[in-house]
Amino acid sequence: MPVKLQNSFKKFGVSFEMLEEKELLPKHIDSRGIIAGYFDKH
């Protein structure tokens, strides 16, 4: 999700922590295709 939503969940009492990311592989890019517009806009 976008980082700004992290604060919204904190108000509910749930603290989401960022996960360490490594370089995307082709399979990750392909997986995003079903809703590519969401990844393009955010």
ModelCIF file with pLDDT and N, C-alpha, C, O atoms, coordinates in Angstrom:
data_MODEL
#
_entry.id   MODEL 
#
_entity.id                         1 
_entity.type                       polymer 
_entity.pdbx_number_of_molecules   1 
#
_entity_poly.entity_id                      1 
_entity_poly.type                           'polypeptide(L)' 
_entity_poly.nstd_linkage                   no 
_entity_poly.nstd_monomer                   no 
_entity_poly.pdbx_seq_one_letter_code       MPVKLQNSFKKFGVSFEMLEEKELLPKHIDSRGIIAGYFDKH 
_entity_poly.pdbx_seq_one_letter_code_can   MPVKLQNSFKKFGVSFEMLEEKELLPKHIDSRGIIAGYFDKH 
_entity_poly.pdbx_strand_id                 A 
#
loop_
_entity_poly_seq.entity_id 
_entity_poly_seq.num 
_entity_poly_seq.mon_id 
_entity_poly_seq.hetero 
1 1  MET n 
1 2  PRO n 
1 3  VAL n 
1 4  LYS n 
1 5  LEU n 
1 6  GLN n 
1 7  ASN n 
1 8  SER n 
1 9  PHE n 
1 10 LYS n 
1 11 LYS n 
1 12 PHE n 
1 13 GLY n 
1 14 VAL n 
1 15 SER n 
1 16 PHE n 
1 17 GLU n 
1 18 MET n 
1 19 LEU n 
1 20 GLU n 
1 21 GLU n 
1 22 LYS n 
1 23 GLU n 
1 24 LEU n 
1 25 LEU n 
1 26 PRO n 
1 27 LYS n 
1 28 HIS n 
1 29 ILE n 
1 30 ASP n 
1 31 SER n 
1 32 ARG n 
1 33 GLY n 
1 34 ILE n 
1 35 ILE n 
1 36 ALA n 
1 37 GLY n 
1 38 TYR n 
1 39 PHE n 
1 40 ASP n 
1 41 LYS n 
1 42 HIS n 
#
_struct_asym.id          A 
_struct_asym.entity_id   1 
#
loop_
_ma_qa_metric.id 
_ma_qa_metric.mode 
_ma_qa_metric.name 
_ma_qa_metric.software_group_id 
_ma_qa_metric.type 
1 global pLDDT . pLDDT 
2 local  pLDDT . pLDDT 
#
_ma_qa_metric_global.metric_id      1 
_ma_qa_metric_global.metric_value   89.48 
_ma_qa_metric_global.model_id       1 
_ma_qa_metric_global.ordinal_id     1 
#
loop_
_ma_qa_metric_local.label_asym_id 
_ma_qa_metric_local.label_comp_id 
_ma_qa_metric_local.label_seq_id 
_ma_qa_metric_local.metric_id 
_ma_qa_metric_local.metric_value 
_ma_qa_metric_local.model_id 
_ma_qa_metric_local.ordinal_id 
A MET 1  2 93.00 1 1  
A PRO 2  2 91.00 1 2  
A VAL 3  2 88.00 1 3  
A LYS 4  2 85.00 1 4  
A LEU 5  2 86.00 1 5  
A GLN 6  2 85.00 1 6  
A ASN 7  2 81.00 1 7  
A SER 8  2 78.00 1 8  
A PHE 9  2 80.00 1 9  
A LYS 10 2 79.00 1 10 
A LYS 11 2 72.00 1 11 
A PHE 12 2 70.00 1 12 
A GLY 13 2 72.00 1 13 
A VAL 14 2 80.00 1 14 
A SER 15 2 85.00 1 15 
A PHE 16 2 92.00 1 16 
A GLU 17 2 94.00 1 17 
A MET 18 2 95.00 1 18 
A LEU 19 2 97.00 1 19 
A GLU 20 2 97.00 1 20 
A GLU 21 2 97.00 1 21 
A LYS 22 2 97.00 1 22 
A GLU 23 2 97.00 1 23 
A LEU 24 2 96.00 1 24 
A LEU 25 2 97.00 1 25 
A PRO 26 2 97.00 1 26 
A LYS 27 2 97.00 1 27 
A HIS 28 2 96.00 1 28 
A ILE 29 2 95.00 1 29 
A ASP 30 2 95.00 1 30 
A SER 31 2 95.00 1 31 
A ARG 32 2 93.00 1 32 
A GLY 33 2 91.00 1 33 
A ILE 34 2 88.00 1 34 
A ILE 35 2 91.00 1 35 
A ALA 36 2 89.00 1 36 
A GLY 37 2 91.00 1 37 
A TYR 38 2 92.00 1 38 
A PHE 39 2 93.00 1 39 
A ASP 40 2 91.00 1 40 
A LYS 41 2 90.00 1 41 
A HIS 42 2 90.00 1 42 
#
loop_
_atom_site.group_PDB 
_atom_site.id 
_atom_site.type_symbol 
_atom_site.label_atom_id 
_atom_site.label_alt_id 
_atom_site.label_comp_id 
_atom_site.label_asym_id 
_atom_site.label_entity_id 
_atom_site.label_seq_id 
_atom_site.pdbx_PDB_ins_code 
_atom_site.Cartn_x 
_atom_site.Cartn_y 
_atom_site.Cartn_z 
_atom_site.occupancy 
_atom_site.B_iso_or_equiv 
_atom_site.pdbx_formal_charge 
_atom_site.auth_seq_id 
_atom_site.auth_comp_id 
_atom_site.auth_asym_id 
_atom_site.auth_atom_id 
_atom_site.pdbx_PDB_model_num 
ATOM 1   N N  . MET A 1 1  ? 0.834  -1.195  0.000   1.00 93.00 ? 1  MET A N  1 
ATOM 2   C CA . MET A 1 1  ? 0.000  0.000   0.000   1.00 93.00 ? 1  MET A CA 1 
ATOM 3   C C  . MET A 1 1  ? 0.875  1.253   0.000   1.00 93.00 ? 1  MET A C  1 
ATOM 4   O O  . MET A 1 1  ? 2.069  1.181   0.289   1.00 93.00 ? 1  MET A O  1 
ATOM 5   N N  . PRO A 1 2  ? 0.272  2.411   -0.328  1.00 91.00 ? 2  PRO A N  1 
ATOM 6   C CA . PRO A 1 2  ? 1.021  3.676   -0.216  1.00 91.00 ? 2  PRO A CA 1 
ATOM 7   C C  . PRO A 1 2  ? 1.405  3.940   1.232   1.00 91.00 ? 2  PRO A C  1 
ATOM 8   O O  . PRO A 1 2  ? 0.694  3.542   2.154   1.00 91.00 ? 2  PRO A O  1 
ATOM 9   N N  . VAL A 1 3  ? 2.525  4.610   1.423   1.00 88.00 ? 3  VAL A N  1 
ATOM 10  C CA . VAL A 1 3  ? 3.028  4.867   2.765   1.00 88.00 ? 3  VAL A CA 1 
ATOM 11  C C  . VAL A 1 3  ? 2.027  5.656   3.598   1.00 88.00 ? 3  VAL A C  1 
ATOM 12  O O  . VAL A 1 3  ? 1.932  5.440   4.806   1.00 88.00 ? 3  VAL A O  1 
ATOM 13  N N  . LYS A 1 4  ? 1.273  6.572   2.975   1.00 85.00 ? 4  LYS A N  1 
ATOM 14  C CA . LYS A 1 4  ? 0.341  7.407   3.743   1.00 85.00 ? 4  LYS A CA 1 
ATOM 15  C C  . LYS A 1 4  ? -0.724 6.566   4.461   1.00 85.00 ? 4  LYS A C  1 
ATOM 16  O O  . LYS A 1 4  ? -1.250 6.984   5.493   1.00 85.00 ? 4  LYS A O  1 
ATOM 17  N N  . LEU A 1 5  ? -1.041 5.390   3.921   1.00 86.00 ? 5  LEU A N  1 
ATOM 18  C CA . LEU A 1 5  ? -2.030 4.541   4.575   1.00 86.00 ? 5  LEU A CA 1 
ATOM 19  C C  . LEU A 1 5  ? -1.468 3.851   5.807   1.00 86.00 ? 5  LEU A C  1 
ATOM 20  O O  . LEU A 1 5  ? -2.220 3.352   6.643   1.00 86.00 ? 5  LEU A O  1 
ATOM 21  N N  . GLN A 1 6  ? -0.163 3.823   5.916   1.00 85.00 ? 6  GLN A N  1 
ATOM 22  C CA . GLN A 1 6  ? 0.468  3.249   7.108   1.00 85.00 ? 6  GLN A CA 1 
ATOM 23  C C  . GLN A 1 6  ? 0.017  4.006   8.350   1.00 85.00 ? 6  GLN A C  1 
ATOM 24  O O  . GLN A 1 6  ? -0.238 3.405   9.393   1.00 85.00 ? 6  GLN A O  1 
ATOM 25  N N  . ASN A 1 7  ? -0.080 5.328   8.234   1.00 81.00 ? 7  ASN A N  1 
ATOM 26  C CA . ASN A 1 7  ? -0.514 6.145   9.377   1.00 81.00 ? 7  ASN A CA 1 
ATOM 27  C C  . ASN A 1 7  ? -1.978 5.908   9.716   1.00 81.00 ? 7  ASN A C  1 
ATOM 28  O O  . ASN A 1 7  ? -2.368 5.968   10.883  1.00 81.00 ? 7  ASN A O  1 
ATOM 29  N N  . SER A 1 8  ? -2.796 5.637   8.689   1.00 78.00 ? 8  SER A N  1 
ATOM 30  C CA . SER A 1 8  ? -4.212 5.363   8.940   1.00 78.00 ? 8  SER A CA 1 
ATOM 31  C C  . SER A 1 8  ? -4.380 4.113   9.785   1.00 78.00 ? 8  SER A C  1 
ATOM 32  O O  . SER A 1 8  ? -5.197 4.090   10.705  1.00 78.00 ? 8  SER A O  1 
ATOM 33  N N  . PHE A 1 9  ? -3.618 3.081   9.483   1.00 80.00 ? 9  PHE A N  1 
ATOM 34  C CA . PHE A 1 9  ? -3.703 1.855   10.275  1.00 80.00 ? 9  PHE A CA 1 
ATOM 35  C C  . PHE A 1 9  ? -3.153 2.058   11.686  1.00 80.00 ? 9  PHE A C  1 
ATOM 36  O O  . PHE A 1 9  ? -3.618 1.413   12.626  1.00 80.00 ? 9  PHE A O  1 
ATOM 37  N N  . LYS A 1 10 ? -2.174 2.941   11.846  1.00 79.00 ? 10 LYS A N  1 
ATOM 38  C CA . LYS A 1 10 ? -1.648 3.208   13.188  1.00 79.00 ? 10 LYS A CA 1 
ATOM 39  C C  . LYS A 1 10 ? -2.730 3.776   14.089  1.00 79.00 ? 10 LYS A C  1 
ATOM 40  O O  . LYS A 1 10 ? -2.751 3.497   15.288  1.00 79.00 ? 10 LYS A O  1 
ATOM 41  N N  . LYS A 1 11 ? -3.629 4.572   13.522  1.00 72.00 ? 11 LYS A N  1 
ATOM 42  C CA . LYS A 1 11 ? -4.724 5.142   14.308  1.00 72.00 ? 11 LYS A CA 1 
ATOM 43  C C  . LYS A 1 11 ? -5.678 4.054   14.779  1.00 72.00 ? 11 LYS A C  1 
ATOM 44  O O  . LYS A 1 11 ? -6.358 4.207   15.793  1.00 72.00 ? 11 LYS A O  1 
ATOM 45  N N  . PHE A 1 12 ? -5.721 2.966   14.040  1.00 70.00 ? 12 PHE A N  1 
ATOM 46  C CA . PHE A 1 12 ? -6.547 1.826   14.432  1.00 70.00 ? 12 PHE A CA 1 
ATOM 47  C C  . PHE A 1 12 ? -5.829 0.956   15.452  1.00 70.00 ? 12 PHE A C  1 
ATOM 48  O O  . PHE A 1 12 ? -6.439 0.100   16.093  1.00 70.00 ? 12 PHE A O  1 
ATOM 49  N N  . GLY A 1 13 ? -4.525 1.182   15.598  1.00 72.00 ? 13 GLY A N  1 
ATOM 50  C CA . GLY A 1 13 ? -3.737 0.415   16.554  1.00 72.00 ? 13 GLY A CA 1 
ATOM 51  C C  . GLY A 1 13 ? -2.880 -0.654  15.923  1.00 72.00 ? 13 GLY A C  1 
ATOM 52  O O  . GLY A 1 13 ? -2.270 -1.454  16.633  1.00 72.00 ? 13 GLY A O  1 
ATOM 53  N N  . VAL A 1 14 ? -2.818 -0.687  14.591  1.00 80.00 ? 14 VAL A N  1 
ATOM 54  C CA . VAL A 1 14 ? -2.028 -1.694  13.883  1.00 80.00 ? 14 VAL A CA 1 
ATOM 55  C C  . VAL A 1 14 ? -0.821 -1.012  13.246  1.00 80.00 ? 14 VAL A C  1 
ATOM 56  O O  . VAL A 1 14 ? -0.976 -0.124  12.408  1.00 80.00 ? 14 VAL A O  1 
ATOM 57  N N  . SER A 1 15 ? 0.368  -1.422  13.640  1.00 85.00 ? 15 SER A N  1 
ATOM 58  C CA . SER A 1 15 ? 1.596  -0.825  13.117  1.00 85.00 ? 15 SER A CA 1 
ATOM 59  C C  . SER A 1 15 ? 2.202  -1.721  12.048  1.00 85.00 ? 15 SER A C  1 
ATOM 60  O O  . SER A 1 15 ? 2.766  -2.775  12.344  1.00 85.00 ? 15 SER A O  1 
ATOM 61  N N  . PHE A 1 16 ? 2.076  -1.287  10.809  1.00 92.00 ? 16 PHE A N  1 
ATOM 62  C CA . PHE A 1 16 ? 2.709  -2.008  9.703   1.00 92.00 ? 16 PHE A CA 1 
ATOM 63  C C  . PHE A 1 16 ? 4.141  -1.502  9.550   1.00 92.00 ? 16 PHE A C  1 
ATOM 64  O O  . PHE A 1 16 ? 4.391  -0.297  9.530   1.00 92.00 ? 16 PHE A O  1 
ATOM 65  N N  . GLU A 1 17 ? 5.069  -2.443  9.444   1.00 94.00 ? 17 GLU A N  1 
ATOM 66  C CA . GLU A 1 17 ? 6.478  -2.118  9.272   1.00 94.00 ? 17 GLU A CA 1 
ATOM 67  C C  . GLU A 1 17 ? 6.900  -2.444  7.840   1.00 94.00 ? 17 GLU A C  1 
ATOM 68  O O  . GLU A 1 17 ? 6.465  -3.437  7.256   1.00 94.00 ? 17 GLU A O  1 
ATOM 69  N N  . MET A 1 18 ? 7.756  -1.585  7.291   1.00 95.00 ? 18 MET A N  1 
ATOM 70  C CA . MET A 1 18 ? 8.264  -1.806  5.937   1.00 95.00 ? 18 MET A CA 1 
ATOM 71  C C  . MET A 1 18 ? 9.082  -3.096  5.886   1.00 95.00 ? 18 MET A C  1 
ATOM 72  O O  . MET A 1 18 ? 9.867  -3.385  6.789   1.00 95.00 ? 18 MET A O  1 
ATOM 73  N N  . LEU A 1 19 ? 8.887  -3.851  4.833   1.00 97.00 ? 19 LEU A N  1 
ATOM 74  C CA . LEU A 1 19 ? 9.695  -5.040  4.599   1.00 97.00 ? 19 LEU A CA 1 
ATOM 75  C C  . LEU A 1 19 ? 10.912 -4.677  3.746   1.00 97.00 ? 19 LEU A C  1 
ATOM 76  O O  . LEU A 1 19 ? 10.834 -3.829  2.857   1.00 97.00 ? 19 LEU A O  1 
ATOM 77  N N  . GLU A 1 20 ? 12.020 -5.327  4.032   1.00 97.00 ? 20 GLU A N  1 
ATOM 78  C CA . GLU A 1 20 ? 13.213 -5.129  3.216   1.00 97.00 ? 20 GLU A CA 1 
ATOM 79  C C  . GLU A 1 20 ? 12.952 -5.654  1.801   1.00 97.00 ? 20 GLU A C  1 
ATOM 80  O O  . GLU A 1 20 ? 12.471 -6.771  1.612   1.00 97.00 ? 20 GLU A O  1 
ATOM 81  N N  . GLU A 1 21 ? 13.282 -4.821  0.822   1.00 97.00 ? 21 GLU A N  1 
ATOM 82  C CA . GLU A 1 21 ? 13.036 -5.196  -0.567  1.00 97.00 ? 21 GLU A CA 1 
ATOM 83  C C  . GLU A 1 21 ? 14.347 -5.494  -1.293  1.00 97.00 ? 21 GLU A C  1 
ATOM 84  O O  . GLU A 1 21 ? 15.365 -4.841  -1.066  1.00 97.00 ? 21 GLU A O  1 
ATOM 85  N N  . LYS A 1 22 ? 14.294 -6.483  -2.157  1.00 97.00 ? 22 LYS A N  1 
ATOM 86  C CA . LYS A 1 22 ? 15.399 -6.785  -3.045  1.00 97.00 ? 22 LYS A CA 1 
ATOM 87  C C  . LYS A 1 22 ? 14.963 -6.484  -4.479  1.00 97.00 ? 22 LYS A C  1 
ATOM 88  O O  . LYS A 1 22 ? 13.798 -6.169  -4.722  1.00 97.00 ? 22 LYS A O  1 
ATOM 89  N N  . GLU A 1 23 ? 15.873 -6.580  -5.405  1.00 97.00 ? 23 GLU A N  1 
ATOM 90  C CA . GLU A 1 23 ? 15.569 -6.255  -6.800  1.00 97.00 ? 23 GLU A CA 1 
ATOM 91  C C  . GLU A 1 23 ? 14.466 -7.168  -7.337  1.00 97.00 ? 23 GLU A C  1 
ATOM 92  O O  . GLU A 1 23 ? 14.467 -8.378  -7.108  1.00 97.00 ? 23 GLU A O  1 
ATOM 93  N N  . LEU A 1 24 ? 13.530 -6.554  -8.054  1.00 96.00 ? 24 LEU A N  1 
ATOM 94  C CA . LEU A 1 24 ? 12.432 -7.329  -8.619  1.00 96.00 ? 24 LEU A CA 1 
ATOM 95  C C  . LEU A 1 24 ? 12.940 -8.295  -9.685  1.00 96.00 ? 24 LEU A C  1 
ATOM 96  O O  . LEU A 1 24 ? 13.841 -7.979  -10.461 1.00 96.00 ? 24 LEU A O  1 
ATOM 97  N N  . LEU A 1 25 ? 12.340 -9.469  -9.698  1.00 97.00 ? 25 LEU A N  1 
ATOM 98  C CA . LEU A 1 25 ? 12.605 -10.455 -10.732 1.00 97.00 ? 25 LEU A CA 1 
ATOM 99  C C  . LEU A 1 25 ? 11.487 -10.385 -11.773 1.00 97.00 ? 25 LEU A C  1 
ATOM 100 O O  . LEU A 1 25 ? 10.430 -9.821  -11.493 1.00 97.00 ? 25 LEU A O  1 
ATOM 101 N N  . PRO A 1 26 ? 11.694 -10.938 -12.952 1.00 97.00 ? 26 PRO A N  1 
ATOM 102 C CA . PRO A 1 26 ? 10.643 -10.908 -13.977 1.00 97.00 ? 26 PRO A CA 1 
ATOM 103 C C  . PRO A 1 26 ? 9.301  -11.448 -13.489 1.00 97.00 ? 26 PRO A C  1 
ATOM 104 O O  . PRO A 1 26 ? 8.247  -10.958 -13.895 1.00 97.00 ? 26 PRO A O  1 
ATOM 105 N N  . LYS A 1 27 ? 9.340  -12.455 -12.620 1.00 97.00 ? 27 LYS A N  1 
ATOM 106 C CA . LYS A 1 27 ? 8.080  -13.029 -12.142 1.00 97.00 ? 27 LYS A CA 1 
ATOM 107 C C  . LYS A 1 27 ? 7.289  -12.028 -11.302 1.00 97.00 ? 27 LYS A C  1 
ATOM 108 O O  . LYS A 1 27 ? 6.058  -12.061 -11.307 1.00 97.00 ? 27 LYS A O  1 
ATOM 109 N N  . HIS A 1 28 ? 7.976  -11.140 -10.583 1.00 96.00 ? 28 HIS A N  1 
ATOM 110 C CA . HIS A 1 28 ? 7.285  -10.135 -9.789  1.00 96.00 ? 28 HIS A CA 1 
ATOM 111 C C  . HIS A 1 28 ? 6.626  -9.089  -10.681 1.00 96.00 ? 28 HIS A C  1 
ATOM 112 O O  . HIS A 1 28 ? 5.502  -8.659  -10.425 1.00 96.00 ? 28 HIS A O  1 
ATOM 113 N N  . ILE A 1 29 ? 7.327  -8.692  -11.715 1.00 95.00 ? 29 ILE A N  1 
ATOM 114 C CA . ILE A 1 29 ? 6.787  -7.712  -12.666 1.00 95.00 ? 29 ILE A CA 1 
ATOM 115 C C  . ILE A 1 29 ? 5.587  -8.298  -13.396 1.00 95.00 ? 29 ILE A C  1 
ATOM 116 O O  . ILE A 1 29 ? 4.583  -7.614  -13.592 1.00 95.00 ? 29 ILE A O  1 
ATOM 117 N N  . ASP A 1 30 ? 5.686  -9.553  -13.795 1.00 95.00 ? 30 ASP A N  1 
ATOM 118 C CA . ASP A 1 30 ? 4.561  -10.212 -14.481 1.00 95.00 ? 30 ASP A CA 1 
ATOM 119 C C  . ASP A 1 30 ? 3.344  -10.294 -13.570 1.00 95.00 ? 30 ASP A C  1 
ATOM 120 O O  . ASP A 1 30 ? 2.214  -10.104 -14.022 1.00 95.00 ? 30 ASP A O  1 
ATOM 121 N N  . SER A 1 31 ? 3.568  -10.574 -12.297 1.00 95.00 ? 31 SER A N  1 
ATOM 122 C CA . SER A 1 31 ? 2.460  -10.731 -11.356 1.00 95.00 ? 31 SER A CA 1 
ATOM 123 C C  . SER A 1 31 ? 1.656  -9.451  -11.197 1.00 95.00 ? 31 SER A C  1 
ATOM 124 O O  . SER A 1 31 ? 0.465  -9.496  -10.891 1.00 95.00 ? 31 SER A O  1 
ATOM 125 N N  . ARG A 1 32 ? 2.301  -8.311  -11.404 1.00 93.00 ? 32 ARG A N  1 
ATOM 126 C CA . ARG A 1 32 ? 1.629  -7.020  -11.236 1.00 93.00 ? 32 ARG A CA 1 
ATOM 127 C C  . ARG A 1 32 ? 0.701  -6.683  -12.398 1.00 93.00 ? 32 ARG A C  1 
ATOM 128 O O  . ARG A 1 32 ? -0.089 -5.742  -12.313 1.00 93.00 ? 32 ARG A O  1 
ATOM 129 N N  . GLY A 1 33 ? 0.793  -7.438  -13.465 1.00 91.00 ? 33 GLY A N  1 
ATOM 130 C CA . GLY A 1 33 ? 0.079  -7.101  -14.688 1.00 91.00 ? 33 GLY A CA 1 
ATOM 131 C C  . GLY A 1 33 ? -1.428 -7.065  -14.551 1.00 91.00 ? 33 GLY A C  1 
ATOM 132 O O  . GLY A 1 33 ? -2.092 -6.328  -15.280 1.00 91.00 ? 33 GLY A O  1 
ATOM 133 N N  . ILE A 1 34 ? -1.994 -7.851  -13.623 1.00 88.00 ? 34 ILE A N  1 
ATOM 134 C CA . ILE A 1 34 ? -3.451 -7.917  -13.517 1.00 88.00 ? 34 ILE A CA 1 
ATOM 135 C C  . ILE A 1 34 ? -4.062 -6.578  -13.120 1.00 88.00 ? 34 ILE A C  1 
ATOM 136 O O  . ILE A 1 34 ? -5.218 -6.298  -13.436 1.00 88.00 ? 34 ILE A O  1 
ATOM 137 N N  . ILE A 1 35 ? -3.283 -5.756  -12.428 1.00 91.00 ? 35 ILE A N  1 
ATOM 138 C CA . ILE A 1 35 ? -3.778 -4.434  -12.051 1.00 91.00 ? 35 ILE A CA 1 
ATOM 139 C C  . ILE A 1 35 ? -2.620 -3.437  -12.146 1.00 91.00 ? 35 ILE A C  1 
ATOM 140 O O  . ILE A 1 35 ? -2.287 -2.739  -11.188 1.00 91.00 ? 35 ILE A O  1 
ATOM 141 N N  . ALA A 1 36 ? -2.033 -3.399  -13.317 1.00 89.00 ? 36 ALA A N  1 
ATOM 142 C CA . ALA A 1 36 ? -0.852 -2.570  -13.541 1.00 89.00 ? 36 ALA A CA 1 
ATOM 143 C C  . ALA A 1 36 ? -1.121 -1.097  -13.251 1.00 89.00 ? 36 ALA A C  1 
ATOM 144 O O  . ALA A 1 36 ? -0.226 -0.381  -12.803 1.00 89.00 ? 36 ALA A O  1 
ATOM 145 N N  . GLY A 1 37 ? -2.349 -0.640  -13.503 1.00 91.00 ? 37 GLY A N  1 
ATOM 146 C CA . GLY A 1 37 ? -2.671 0.768   -13.276 1.00 91.00 ? 37 GLY A CA 1 
ATOM 147 C C  . GLY A 1 37 ? -2.498 1.191   -11.836 1.00 91.00 ? 37 GLY A C  1 
ATOM 148 O O  . GLY A 1 37 ? -2.162 2.343   -11.561 1.00 91.00 ? 37 GLY A O  1 
ATOM 149 N N  . TYR A 1 38 ? -2.725 0.269   -10.912 1.00 92.00 ? 38 TYR A N  1 
ATOM 150 C CA . TYR A 1 38 ? -2.576 0.582   -9.488  1.00 92.00 ? 38 TYR A CA 1 
ATOM 151 C C  . TYR A 1 38 ? -1.111 0.838   -9.161  1.00 92.00 ? 38 TYR A C  1 
ATOM 152 O O  . TYR A 1 38 ? -0.791 1.759   -8.410  1.00 92.00 ? 38 TYR A O  1 
ATOM 153 N N  . PHE A 1 39 ? -0.225 0.028   -9.721  1.00 93.00 ? 39 PHE A N  1 
ATOM 154 C CA . PHE A 1 39 ? 1.202  0.206   -9.496  1.00 93.00 ? 39 PHE A CA 1 
ATOM 155 C C  . PHE A 1 39 ? 1.725  1.441   -10.220 1.00 93.00 ? 39 PHE A C  1 
ATOM 156 O O  . PHE A 1 39 ? 2.666  2.082   -9.752  1.00 93.00 ? 39 PHE A O  1 
ATOM 157 N N  . ASP A 1 40 ? 1.118  1.780   -11.362 1.00 91.00 ? 40 ASP A N  1 
ATOM 158 C CA . ASP A 1 40 ? 1.535  2.968   -12.105 1.00 91.00 ? 40 ASP A CA 1 
ATOM 159 C C  . ASP A 1 40 ? 1.174  4.257   -11.374 1.00 91.00 ? 40 ASP A C  1 
ATOM 160 O O  . ASP A 1 40 ? 1.924  5.232   -11.423 1.00 91.00 ? 40 ASP A O  1 
ATOM 161 N N  . LYS A 1 41 ? 0.034  4.262   -10.700 1.00 90.00 ? 41 LYS A N  1 
ATOM 162 C CA . LYS A 1 41 ? -0.474 5.484   -10.067 1.00 90.00 ? 41 LYS A CA 1 
ATOM 163 C C  . LYS A 1 41 ? 0.028  5.697   -8.642  1.00 90.00 ? 41 LYS A C  1 
ATOM 164 O O  . LYS A 1 41 ? -0.052 6.811   -8.125  1.00 90.00 ? 41 LYS A O  1 
ATOM 165 N N  . HIS A 1 42 ? 0.537  4.663   -8.007  1.00 90.00 ? 42 HIS A N  1 
ATOM 166 C CA . HIS A 1 42 ? 0.951  4.778   -6.606  1.00 90.00 ? 42 HIS A CA 1 
ATOM 167 C C  . HIS A 1 42 ? 2.336  4.181   -6.398  1.00 90.00 ? 42 HIS A C  1 
ATOM 168 O O  . HIS A 1 42 ? 2.850  4.188   -5.279  1.00 90.00 ? 42 HIS A O  1 
#
